[in-house]
Amino acid sequence: MQQVLEAISDPTRRKILDLLKKGEMSAGELGKHFDISGPSMSHHLSKLKAADLVLANRRGQSIHYSINTSVFDDAAQFVISFFQNKKEHAEKEESK
C-alpha cells in the first residue's frame, strides 16, 4: 500500500493515470501530454508499475500501458476502511 500511496502522490503520475482511464496508450502517446524528457517519463511509469497501478504489454518495439483496476479496488477498500475505523473510534470516544 505504501508504494501505491507514494506513486499517486505525484501530480505527473496522477495525470498519467487519468489519461489511461480513457484506454491503453503507448509511452510515446503518453509523452505527448507532458513537457518532460523520455527518461523522466520512464521513471514515472516505472513507479506506477512498481506499485502495480499500471500493466505494461509489449507490442513490437513499443510498450502499451493500461490501468490495473484490481489494485485500485484494493486501495479504495483500504481508504474506506481506514476512515470507517477512524469514525467508529471517534463515535466511541464521544459516547464515553
N, C-alpha and C. Protein backbone atom coordinates (compact mmCIF):
# COMPACT_ATOMS: atom_id res chain seq x y z
N MET A 1 0.82 -1.19 0.00
CA MET A 1 0.00 0.00 0.00
C MET A 1 0.87 1.26 0.00
N GLN A 2 2.03 1.19 0.66
CA GLN A 2 2.91 2.36 0.70
C GLN A 2 3.37 2.75 -0.70
N GLN A 3 3.69 1.76 -1.54
CA GLN A 3 4.10 2.06 -2.91
C GLN A 3 2.97 2.72 -3.70
N VAL A 4 1.74 2.29 -3.46
CA VAL A 4 0.59 2.87 -4.15
C VAL A 4 0.44 4.33 -3.75
N LEU A 5 0.46 4.59 -2.44
CA LEU A 5 0.30 5.96 -1.97
C LEU A 5 1.44 6.86 -2.46
N GLU A 6 2.65 6.33 -2.45
CA GLU A 6 3.80 7.10 -2.96
C GLU A 6 3.63 7.39 -4.45
N ALA A 7 3.19 6.40 -5.19
CA ALA A 7 3.04 6.56 -6.65
C ALA A 7 1.99 7.62 -6.98
N ILE A 8 0.88 7.63 -6.27
CA ILE A 8 -0.18 8.58 -6.61
C ILE A 8 0.02 9.94 -5.96
N SER A 9 1.08 10.08 -5.17
CA SER A 9 1.33 11.38 -4.54
C SER A 9 1.90 12.40 -5.53
N ASP A 10 2.38 11.93 -6.66
CA ASP A 10 2.99 12.83 -7.65
C ASP A 10 1.95 13.26 -8.69
N PRO A 11 1.86 14.57 -8.96
CA PRO A 11 0.85 15.05 -9.92
C PRO A 11 1.05 14.53 -11.34
N THR A 12 2.29 14.32 -11.75
CA THR A 12 2.53 13.78 -13.10
C THR A 12 1.99 12.36 -13.21
N ARG A 13 2.22 11.57 -12.19
CA ARG A 13 1.73 10.19 -12.21
C ARG A 13 0.21 10.15 -12.14
N ARG A 14 -0.38 11.06 -11.38
CA ARG A 14 -1.86 11.11 -11.35
C ARG A 14 -2.41 11.48 -12.73
N LYS A 15 -1.72 12.36 -13.44
CA LYS A 15 -2.19 12.73 -14.78
C LYS A 15 -2.03 11.54 -15.74
N ILE A 16 -0.95 10.79 -15.60
CA ILE A 16 -0.77 9.59 -16.43
C ILE A 16 -1.93 8.63 -16.19
N LEU A 17 -2.27 8.41 -14.94
CA LEU A 17 -3.39 7.51 -14.62
C LEU A 17 -4.70 8.05 -15.18
N ASP A 18 -4.87 9.35 -15.11
CA ASP A 18 -6.08 9.96 -15.66
C ASP A 18 -6.17 9.74 -17.17
N LEU A 19 -5.05 9.86 -17.86
CA LEU A 19 -5.03 9.62 -19.31
C LEU A 19 -5.33 8.15 -19.62
N LEU A 20 -4.81 7.26 -18.79
CA LEU A 20 -5.02 5.83 -19.03
C LEU A 20 -6.45 5.38 -18.72
N LYS A 21 -7.22 6.21 -18.00
CA LYS A 21 -8.62 5.88 -17.78
C LYS A 21 -9.37 5.78 -19.10
N LYS A 22 -8.89 6.53 -20.10
CA LYS A 22 -9.54 6.56 -21.41
C LYS A 22 -9.20 5.32 -22.23
N GLY A 23 -8.15 4.61 -21.84
CA GLY A 23 -7.76 3.40 -22.56
C GLY A 23 -6.25 3.26 -22.63
N GLU A 24 -5.85 2.15 -23.16
CA GLU A 24 -4.44 1.81 -23.28
C GLU A 24 -3.69 2.82 -24.15
N MET A 25 -2.46 3.17 -23.75
CA MET A 25 -1.63 4.10 -24.52
C MET A 25 -0.17 3.66 -24.46
N SER A 26 0.55 3.99 -25.51
CA SER A 26 1.99 3.71 -25.52
C SER A 26 2.71 4.81 -24.75
N ALA A 27 3.96 4.56 -24.41
CA ALA A 27 4.76 5.56 -23.72
C ALA A 27 4.88 6.83 -24.57
N GLY A 28 5.03 6.66 -25.86
CA GLY A 28 5.12 7.81 -26.76
C GLY A 28 3.84 8.64 -26.78
N GLU A 29 2.70 7.96 -26.79
CA GLU A 29 1.42 8.67 -26.77
C GLU A 29 1.24 9.43 -25.45
N LEU A 30 1.63 8.79 -24.36
CA LEU A 30 1.55 9.46 -23.06
C LEU A 30 2.49 10.67 -23.02
N GLY A 31 3.69 10.50 -23.55
CA GLY A 31 4.69 11.54 -23.52
C GLY A 31 4.26 12.83 -24.21
N LYS A 32 3.38 12.72 -25.19
CA LYS A 32 2.90 13.91 -25.91
C LYS A 32 2.12 14.87 -25.01
N HIS A 33 1.65 14.38 -23.88
CA HIS A 33 0.84 15.19 -22.96
C HIS A 33 1.67 15.89 -21.89
N PHE A 34 2.99 15.70 -21.93
CA PHE A 34 3.86 16.24 -20.89
C PHE A 34 5.06 16.95 -21.49
N ASP A 35 5.58 17.89 -20.75
CA ASP A 35 6.79 18.59 -21.16
C ASP A 35 7.95 18.09 -20.30
N ILE A 36 8.20 16.76 -20.40
CA ILE A 36 9.29 16.14 -19.65
C ILE A 36 10.08 15.25 -20.59
N SER A 37 11.29 14.91 -20.17
CA SER A 37 12.16 14.08 -21.01
C SER A 37 11.68 12.62 -21.02
N GLY A 38 12.17 11.88 -21.99
CA GLY A 38 11.87 10.45 -22.08
C GLY A 38 12.27 9.70 -20.82
N PRO A 39 13.50 9.94 -20.30
CA PRO A 39 13.89 9.25 -19.07
C PRO A 39 12.99 9.60 -17.87
N SER A 40 12.52 10.84 -17.81
CA SER A 40 11.61 11.22 -16.72
C SER A 40 10.28 10.48 -16.85
N MET A 41 9.77 10.39 -18.07
CA MET A 41 8.52 9.65 -18.29
C MET A 41 8.72 8.19 -17.91
N SER A 42 9.85 7.63 -18.29
CA SER A 42 10.17 6.24 -17.96
C SER A 42 10.21 6.04 -16.44
N HIS A 43 10.77 7.00 -15.73
CA HIS A 43 10.83 6.94 -14.26
C HIS A 43 9.41 6.91 -13.66
N HIS A 44 8.54 7.79 -14.15
CA HIS A 44 7.17 7.84 -13.64
C HIS A 44 6.43 6.53 -13.94
N LEU A 45 6.60 6.02 -15.14
CA LEU A 45 5.95 4.76 -15.50
C LEU A 45 6.50 3.60 -14.66
N SER A 46 7.79 3.63 -14.36
CA SER A 46 8.39 2.59 -13.52
C SER A 46 7.80 2.61 -12.12
N LYS A 47 7.59 3.81 -11.58
CA LYS A 47 6.99 3.94 -10.24
C LYS A 47 5.57 3.38 -10.24
N LEU A 48 4.82 3.69 -11.30
CA LEU A 48 3.44 3.19 -11.41
C LEU A 48 3.42 1.67 -11.57
N LYS A 49 4.37 1.13 -12.34
CA LYS A 49 4.45 -0.33 -12.50
C LYS A 49 4.85 -0.99 -11.19
N ALA A 50 5.81 -0.40 -10.47
CA ALA A 50 6.27 -0.97 -9.20
C ALA A 50 5.13 -1.03 -8.18
N ALA A 51 4.23 -0.06 -8.24
CA ALA A 51 3.08 -0.04 -7.34
C ALA A 51 1.94 -0.90 -7.88
N ASP A 52 2.14 -1.50 -9.04
CA ASP A 52 1.15 -2.37 -9.68
C ASP A 52 -0.10 -1.60 -10.12
N LEU A 53 0.05 -0.29 -10.32
CA LEU A 53 -1.09 0.52 -10.75
C LEU A 53 -1.30 0.47 -12.25
N VAL A 54 -0.24 0.16 -12.99
CA VAL A 54 -0.37 0.03 -14.44
C VAL A 54 0.21 -1.30 -14.89
N LEU A 55 -0.33 -1.79 -15.98
CA LEU A 55 0.17 -3.00 -16.62
C LEU A 55 0.88 -2.59 -17.90
N ALA A 56 1.97 -3.27 -18.23
CA ALA A 56 2.73 -2.96 -19.43
C ALA A 56 2.72 -4.17 -20.35
N ASN A 57 2.33 -3.95 -21.61
CA ASN A 57 2.31 -5.01 -22.61
C ASN A 57 3.14 -4.59 -23.81
N ARG A 58 4.14 -5.41 -24.13
CA ARG A 58 4.99 -5.09 -25.26
C ARG A 58 4.29 -5.48 -26.55
N ARG A 59 4.31 -4.56 -27.52
CA ARG A 59 3.77 -4.80 -28.86
C ARG A 59 4.83 -4.35 -29.85
N GLY A 60 5.54 -5.30 -30.38
CA GLY A 60 6.63 -4.94 -31.27
C GLY A 60 7.70 -4.20 -30.49
N GLN A 61 8.02 -3.00 -30.95
CA GLN A 61 9.05 -2.22 -30.26
C GLN A 61 8.47 -1.22 -29.26
N SER A 62 7.16 -1.17 -29.12
CA SER A 62 6.58 -0.22 -28.17
C SER A 62 5.92 -0.96 -27.01
N ILE A 63 5.79 -0.27 -25.90
CA ILE A 63 5.14 -0.82 -24.73
C ILE A 63 3.85 -0.03 -24.53
N HIS A 64 2.76 -0.74 -24.36
CA HIS A 64 1.45 -0.11 -24.14
C HIS A 64 1.06 -0.30 -22.68
N TYR A 65 0.57 0.77 -22.09
CA TYR A 65 0.23 0.79 -20.67
C TYR A 65 -1.28 0.87 -20.49
N SER A 66 -1.75 0.20 -19.44
CA SER A 66 -3.17 0.27 -19.08
C SER A 66 -3.26 0.24 -17.56
N ILE A 67 -4.41 0.65 -17.06
CA ILE A 67 -4.62 0.69 -15.61
C ILE A 67 -4.92 -0.72 -15.09
N ASN A 68 -4.34 -1.03 -13.95
CA ASN A 68 -4.61 -2.28 -13.26
C ASN A 68 -5.70 -2.01 -12.23
N THR A 69 -6.94 -2.25 -12.62
CA THR A 69 -8.08 -1.85 -11.78
C THR A 69 -8.15 -2.61 -10.46
N SER A 70 -7.62 -3.82 -10.39
CA SER A 70 -7.71 -4.58 -9.14
C SER A 70 -6.95 -3.90 -8.02
N VAL A 71 -5.84 -3.26 -8.32
CA VAL A 71 -5.07 -2.56 -7.29
C VAL A 71 -5.85 -1.33 -6.82
N PHE A 72 -6.54 -0.65 -7.74
CA PHE A 72 -7.35 0.49 -7.35
C PHE A 72 -8.49 0.06 -6.43
N ASP A 73 -9.07 -1.09 -6.70
CA ASP A 73 -10.12 -1.61 -5.83
C ASP A 73 -9.58 -1.85 -4.42
N ASP A 74 -8.39 -2.46 -4.33
CA ASP A 74 -7.77 -2.72 -3.04
C ASP A 74 -7.46 -1.41 -2.30
N ALA A 75 -6.93 -0.43 -3.03
CA ALA A 75 -6.59 0.86 -2.41
C ALA A 75 -7.85 1.57 -1.92
N ALA A 76 -8.91 1.51 -2.71
CA ALA A 76 -10.17 2.15 -2.30
C ALA A 76 -10.71 1.49 -1.04
N GLN A 77 -10.65 0.17 -0.98
CA GLN A 77 -11.11 -0.54 0.21
C GLN A 77 -10.29 -0.14 1.44
N PHE A 78 -8.98 0.00 1.25
CA PHE A 78 -8.10 0.41 2.35
C PHE A 78 -8.51 1.78 2.87
N VAL A 79 -8.69 2.73 1.98
CA VAL A 79 -9.04 4.10 2.37
C VAL A 79 -10.41 4.12 3.06
N ILE A 80 -11.38 3.41 2.51
CA ILE A 80 -12.71 3.37 3.11
C ILE A 80 -12.65 2.78 4.51
N SER A 81 -11.95 1.67 4.66
CA SER A 81 -11.89 1.03 5.98
C SER A 81 -11.11 1.90 6.96
N PHE A 82 -10.08 2.59 6.49
CA PHE A 82 -9.31 3.48 7.36
C PHE A 82 -10.22 4.56 7.95
N PHE A 83 -11.00 5.20 7.10
CA PHE A 83 -11.86 6.27 7.58
C PHE A 83 -13.06 5.75 8.37
N GLN A 84 -13.55 4.57 8.05
CA GLN A 84 -14.64 3.98 8.83
C GLN A 84 -14.15 3.69 10.25
N ASN A 85 -12.96 3.10 10.34
CA ASN A 85 -12.40 2.79 11.66
C ASN A 85 -12.16 4.06 12.46
N LYS A 86 -11.69 5.08 11.80
CA LYS A 86 -11.44 6.36 12.47
C LYS A 86 -12.75 6.96 12.97
N LYS A 87 -13.81 6.89 12.15
CA LYS A 87 -15.11 7.43 12.52
C LYS A 87 -15.69 6.63 13.70
N GLU A 88 -15.59 5.30 13.63
CA GLU A 88 -16.11 4.46 14.71
C GLU A 88 -15.38 4.75 16.02
N HIS A 89 -14.09 4.96 15.95
CA HIS A 89 -13.30 5.27 17.14
C HIS A 89 -13.75 6.61 17.73
N ALA A 90 -13.98 7.61 16.88
CA ALA A 90 -14.43 8.93 17.34
C ALA A 90 -15.81 8.82 17.98
N GLU A 91 -16.69 8.02 17.39
CA GLU A 91 -18.03 7.85 17.96
C GLU A 91 -17.97 7.17 19.32
N LYS A 92 -17.09 6.19 19.49
CA LYS A 92 -16.93 5.53 20.79
C LYS A 92 -16.42 6.51 21.83
N GLU A 93 -15.49 7.37 21.44
CA GLU A 93 -14.94 8.36 22.36
C GLU A 93 -16.00 9.35 22.78
N GLU A 94 -16.88 9.74 21.86
CA GLU A 94 -17.95 10.69 22.18
C GLU A 94 -18.99 10.11 23.13
N SER A 95 -19.22 8.80 23.04
CA SER A 95 -20.25 8.17 23.87
C SER A 95 -19.77 7.90 25.30
N LYS A 96 -18.50 8.09 25.56
CA LYS A 96 -17.96 7.84 26.91
C LYS A 96 -18.36 8.92 27.88
